[in-house]
């Protein structure tokens, strides 16, 4: 492998510096703020630099990136934005140990609030962060269930999207196929079957097995169960199966 030249090394250092430039100043603005104060503060347009907004998905410039994110967070609490800022700083390798310690303190203190107010996107990002930086291997293993669950679901939804023509509405459920799955097991592939809708207990059993992790790590298990429950109440495949379920004993969602 060729060794980078002097100007290449300088360019790399400049790029890395820009990704973290002024990170210390940014995090310092929260030093004297309590979590309760941040929960009580709502992100408004006046808190953003409107003229500096860009359409970039991820700006190399840290301040621009956070300004864009703040604008997308209008109406949310400052605590949620603070949480997301900590994740971004760690992704940009800013004082990872210290920043992760603060991230962990935030989750230990405000897990109920965060699970209620963060989007699924940022809860999954939080799980990724624990997996990447926690020394607690049990916690990382439990939270890997969240990431696997979400990536599998997103893969399935992407396949559905690719098979629909542009601007096509979701296809209605076909009565004849619904009747087939109510009637019994239908082969899928490699020994698997489709869900036996109406009575299948697979998801109930999965939730029970998730719940056993409480004895190992309560926080991680709470996060896992919260994500699983959110999926039952969004327009997901889980919600479709819930709608078709008939057996009260084997239901897998909370009332």
Protein backbone atom coordinates (compact mmCIF):
# COMPACT_ATOMS: atom_id res chain seq x y z
CA UNK A 1 0.00 0.00 0.00
CA UNK A 2 1.44 3.37 -1.05
CA UNK A 3 2.32 5.84 1.70
CA UNK A 4 0.33 9.12 1.46
CA UNK A 5 2.35 12.06 0.28
CA UNK A 6 2.80 15.17 2.42
CA UNK A 7 -0.02 17.09 0.72
CA UNK A 8 -2.32 14.05 0.93
CA UNK A 9 -1.70 13.80 4.68
CA UNK A 10 -2.48 17.51 5.08
CA UNK A 11 -5.69 17.09 3.08
CA UNK A 12 -6.75 14.15 5.24
CA UNK A 13 -6.04 16.11 8.42
CA UNK A 14 -7.97 19.12 7.09
CA UNK A 15 -10.96 16.87 6.28
CA UNK A 16 -10.88 15.27 9.72
CA UNK A 17 -10.52 18.66 11.38
CA UNK A 18 -13.50 20.09 9.50
CA UNK A 19 -15.65 17.14 10.55
CA UNK A 20 -14.99 18.00 14.23
CA UNK A 21 -14.26 21.73 14.03
CA UNK A 22 -15.84 23.65 16.92
CA UNK A 23 -17.17 20.46 18.52
CA UNK A 24 -15.87 21.63 21.89
CA UNK A 25 -17.71 24.94 21.57
CA UNK A 26 -20.91 23.16 20.58
CA UNK A 27 -20.87 20.74 23.50
CA UNK A 28 -19.94 23.52 25.92
CA UNK A 29 -23.29 25.24 25.29
CA UNK A 30 -24.98 22.34 27.08
CA UNK A 31 -22.63 22.18 30.08
CA UNK A 32 -24.84 24.24 32.39
CA UNK A 33 -28.16 22.84 31.12
CA UNK A 34 -30.05 20.19 33.05
CA UNK A 35 -31.95 17.43 31.28
CA UNK A 36 -35.20 18.89 32.64
CA UNK A 37 -34.38 22.30 31.16
CA UNK A 38 -33.68 20.73 27.79
CA UNK A 39 -36.91 18.72 27.91
CA UNK A 40 -38.82 21.93 28.55
CA UNK A 41 -37.22 23.73 25.59
CA UNK A 42 -38.73 23.25 22.12
CA UNK A 43 -36.61 23.67 19.00
CA UNK A 44 -37.87 26.70 17.06
CA UNK A 45 -36.87 28.33 13.80
CA UNK A 46 -35.28 31.22 15.70
CA UNK A 47 -32.70 28.74 17.07
CA UNK A 48 -31.51 27.87 13.54
CA UNK A 49 -29.33 29.80 11.10
CA UNK A 50 -31.83 29.88 8.24
CA UNK A 51 -29.41 31.45 5.75
CA UNK A 52 -26.86 28.68 6.34
CA UNK A 53 -29.27 25.82 5.61
CA UNK A 54 -28.24 23.44 2.83
CA UNK A 55 -29.74 20.44 1.04
CA UNK A 56 -26.73 18.29 1.89
CA UNK A 57 -27.62 14.97 3.52
CA UNK A 58 -24.40 14.99 5.49
CA UNK A 59 -22.28 18.11 5.51
CA UNK A 60 -18.58 17.70 6.21
CA UNK A 61 -18.76 20.93 8.20
CA UNK A 62 -19.98 19.96 11.68
CA UNK A 63 -21.79 23.22 12.42
CA UNK A 64 -23.62 23.16 9.09
CA UNK A 65 -24.61 19.55 9.62
CA UNK A 66 -26.01 20.23 13.08
CA UNK A 67 -27.79 23.37 11.86
CA UNK A 68 -29.51 21.34 9.13
CA UNK A 69 -30.44 18.69 11.68
CA UNK A 70 -31.79 21.29 14.11
CA UNK A 71 -34.04 22.70 11.39
CA UNK A 72 -35.38 19.21 10.71
CA UNK A 73 -36.03 18.90 14.46
CA UNK A 74 -38.42 21.87 14.71
CA UNK A 75 -41.07 21.17 17.32
CA UNK A 76 -38.99 18.55 19.10
CA UNK A 77 -37.38 19.06 22.49
CA UNK A 78 -33.83 20.24 22.89
CA UNK A 79 -33.07 17.07 24.84
CA UNK A 80 -33.78 14.93 21.77
CA UNK A 81 -31.55 17.19 19.68
CA UNK A 82 -28.82 17.00 22.34
CA UNK A 83 -29.03 13.20 22.25
CA UNK A 84 -28.69 13.18 18.47
CA UNK A 85 -25.80 15.65 18.65
CA UNK A 86 -23.89 13.30 20.96
CA UNK A 87 -24.29 10.48 18.44
CA UNK A 88 -23.02 12.67 15.60
CA UNK A 89 -20.00 13.76 17.64
CA UNK A 90 -19.09 10.13 18.33
CA UNK A 91 -19.47 9.25 14.66
CA UNK A 92 -17.01 12.03 13.94
CA UNK A 93 -14.69 10.62 16.62
CA UNK A 94 -14.82 13.61 18.95
CA UNK A 95 -13.58 12.61 22.44
CA UNK A 96 -15.38 9.30 22.12
CA UNK A 97 -14.87 8.04 25.69
CA UNK A 98 -16.07 11.27 27.30
CA UNK A 99 -18.94 11.77 24.86
CA UNK A 100 -20.09 8.16 25.23
CA UNK A 101 -20.05 8.50 29.03
CA UNK A 102 -22.43 11.47 28.71
CA UNK A 103 -24.58 9.56 26.20
CA UNK A 104 -24.80 6.64 28.62
CA UNK A 105 -25.66 8.97 31.53
CA UNK A 106 -28.45 10.47 29.43
CA UNK A 107 -29.97 7.08 28.64
CA UNK A 108 -29.74 5.86 32.24
CA UNK A 109 -31.53 9.00 33.45
CA UNK A 110 -34.06 9.59 30.66
CA UNK A 111 -34.75 6.27 28.91
CA UNK A 112 -38.54 6.55 29.25
CA UNK A 113 -38.55 10.05 27.82
CA UNK A 114 -36.21 9.20 24.96
CA UNK A 115 -38.13 6.08 23.95
CA UNK A 116 -41.34 8.11 23.89
CA UNK A 117 -40.05 11.12 21.97
CA UNK A 118 -37.24 9.92 19.70
CA UNK A 119 -38.09 8.63 16.23
CA UNK A 120 -37.32 5.02 15.39
CA UNK A 121 -34.43 6.28 13.28
CA UNK A 122 -32.68 7.80 16.30
CA UNK A 123 -33.53 4.95 18.68
CA UNK A 124 -31.84 2.57 16.23
CA UNK A 125 -28.89 4.97 16.00
CA UNK A 126 -28.69 4.89 19.80
CA UNK A 127 -28.60 1.09 19.71
CA UNK A 128 -25.80 1.23 17.12
CA UNK A 129 -23.91 3.60 19.42
CA UNK A 130 -24.17 1.28 22.42
CA UNK A 131 -23.09 -1.67 20.25
CA UNK A 132 -20.07 0.25 18.94
CA UNK A 133 -18.86 1.78 22.22
CA UNK A 134 -20.21 -0.09 25.25
CA UNK A 135 -17.95 -2.45 27.17
CA UNK A 136 -21.08 -4.33 28.22
CA UNK A 137 -21.20 -7.22 25.76
CA UNK A 138 -24.61 -8.38 27.04
CA UNK A 139 -26.05 -4.94 26.29
CA UNK A 140 -24.51 -4.92 22.83
CA UNK A 141 -25.85 -8.41 22.07
CA UNK A 142 -29.38 -7.53 23.19
CA UNK A 143 -29.42 -4.30 21.19
CA UNK A 144 -28.14 -6.10 18.12
CA UNK A 145 -31.64 -7.61 18.03
CA UNK A 146 -33.04 -4.11 17.41
CA UNK A 147 -30.64 -3.44 14.55
CA UNK A 148 -31.25 -6.86 12.96
CA UNK A 149 -35.01 -6.45 13.31
CA UNK A 150 -35.03 -2.99 11.74
CA UNK A 151 -32.63 -3.80 8.90
CA UNK A 152 -34.65 -6.91 8.03
CA UNK A 153 -37.87 -4.91 8.01
CA UNK A 154 -36.35 -2.11 5.93
CA UNK A 155 -35.01 -4.69 3.45
CA UNK A 156 -38.50 -6.15 3.12
CA UNK A 157 -40.09 -2.70 2.69
CA UNK A 158 -37.47 -1.75 0.07
CA UNK A 159 -38.25 -4.93 -1.90
CA UNK A 160 -41.95 -3.99 -1.83
CA UNK A 161 -41.12 -0.48 -3.04
CA UNK A 162 -39.03 -1.79 -5.91
CA UNK A 163 -41.87 -4.02 -7.07
CA UNK A 164 -44.47 -1.25 -7.17
CA UNK A 165 -44.77 1.04 -10.17
CA UNK A 166 -44.14 4.74 -9.58
CA UNK A 167 -47.00 6.49 -7.76
CA UNK A 168 -48.79 3.17 -7.25
CA UNK A 169 -50.83 2.85 -4.07
CA UNK A 170 -50.34 -0.05 -1.69
CA UNK A 171 -51.96 -3.21 -2.97
CA UNK A 172 -55.03 -4.43 -1.05
CA UNK A 173 -54.91 -7.77 0.73
CA UNK A 174 -56.17 -10.58 -1.50
CA UNK A 175 -59.06 -12.44 0.10
CA UNK A 176 -58.19 -15.79 -1.47
CA UNK A 177 -54.60 -15.61 -0.16
CA UNK A 178 -55.79 -14.45 3.26
CA UNK A 179 -58.10 -17.46 3.41
CA UNK A 180 -55.21 -19.77 2.46
CA UNK A 181 -53.08 -18.49 5.34
CA UNK A 182 -55.96 -18.66 7.79
CA UNK A 183 -56.49 -22.29 6.76
CA UNK A 184 -53.01 -23.61 7.58
CA UNK A 185 -49.27 -23.65 6.92
CA UNK A 186 -48.16 -22.59 3.45
CA UNK A 187 -44.57 -23.33 2.33
CA UNK A 188 -42.24 -20.34 1.89
CA UNK A 189 -38.72 -21.68 1.18
CA UNK A 190 -36.05 -23.92 2.73
CA UNK A 191 -38.47 -25.53 5.17
CA UNK A 192 -40.00 -22.23 6.30
CA UNK A 193 -43.68 -21.37 6.07
CA UNK A 194 -45.58 -18.11 5.81
CA UNK A 195 -47.20 -16.90 9.01
CA UNK A 196 -50.34 -18.83 9.82
CA UNK A 197 -52.33 -15.63 10.22
CA UNK A 198 -54.94 -15.45 12.92
CA UNK A 199 -53.34 -17.94 15.31
CA UNK A 200 -49.57 -18.04 14.76
CA UNK A 201 -47.74 -17.74 18.10
CA UNK A 202 -44.24 -17.07 16.71
CA UNK A 203 -44.25 -13.34 17.48
CA UNK A 204 -45.72 -13.90 20.95
CA UNK A 205 -42.92 -16.35 21.69
CA UNK A 206 -40.33 -13.95 20.29
CA UNK A 207 -41.57 -11.20 22.60
CA UNK A 208 -41.45 -13.58 25.59
CA UNK A 209 -37.85 -14.45 24.73
CA UNK A 210 -37.00 -10.77 24.39
CA UNK A 211 -38.49 -10.18 27.82
CA UNK A 212 -36.17 -12.76 29.41
CA UNK A 213 -33.28 -10.38 28.72
CA UNK A 214 -34.62 -8.12 31.52
CA UNK A 215 -32.57 -10.17 33.99
CA UNK A 216 -29.41 -9.45 32.00
CA UNK A 217 -29.80 -5.75 31.11
CA UNK A 218 -32.98 -3.83 31.90
CA UNK A 219 -32.13 -0.74 29.82
CA UNK A 220 -31.25 -2.67 26.66
CA UNK A 221 -34.32 -4.88 27.01
CA UNK A 222 -36.56 -1.85 27.54
CA UNK A 223 -35.18 -0.35 24.33
CA UNK A 224 -35.70 -3.59 22.42
CA UNK A 225 -39.29 -4.05 23.62
CA UNK A 226 -40.11 -0.38 22.95
CA UNK A 227 -38.93 -0.64 19.35
CA UNK A 228 -40.85 -3.89 18.85
CA UNK A 229 -44.01 -2.25 20.20
CA UNK A 230 -43.62 0.83 17.98
CA UNK A 231 -43.53 -1.45 14.95
CA UNK A 232 -46.96 -2.80 15.89
CA UNK A 233 -48.39 0.72 15.70
CA UNK A 234 -46.82 1.93 12.45
CA UNK A 235 -47.79 0.94 8.93
CA UNK A 236 -45.58 -2.14 8.95
CA UNK A 237 -45.92 -5.83 8.15
CA UNK A 238 -46.31 -6.42 11.89
CA UNK A 239 -49.34 -4.13 11.97
CA UNK A 240 -50.88 -6.02 9.04
CA UNK A 241 -50.54 -9.34 10.85
CA UNK A 242 -51.91 -7.75 14.02
CA UNK A 243 -54.98 -6.58 12.11
CA UNK A 244 -55.62 -10.13 10.90
CA UNK A 245 -54.93 -11.87 14.21
CA UNK A 246 -57.85 -13.66 15.91
CA UNK A 247 -56.39 -15.53 18.85
CA UNK A 248 -56.19 -13.49 22.07
CA UNK A 249 -53.79 -15.93 23.78
CA UNK A 250 -51.08 -15.62 21.13
CA UNK A 251 -51.21 -11.84 20.56
CA UNK A 252 -47.78 -10.21 20.71
CA UNK A 253 -48.61 -6.51 21.19
CA UNK A 254 -49.56 -4.48 24.26
CA UNK A 255 -53.11 -3.15 24.63
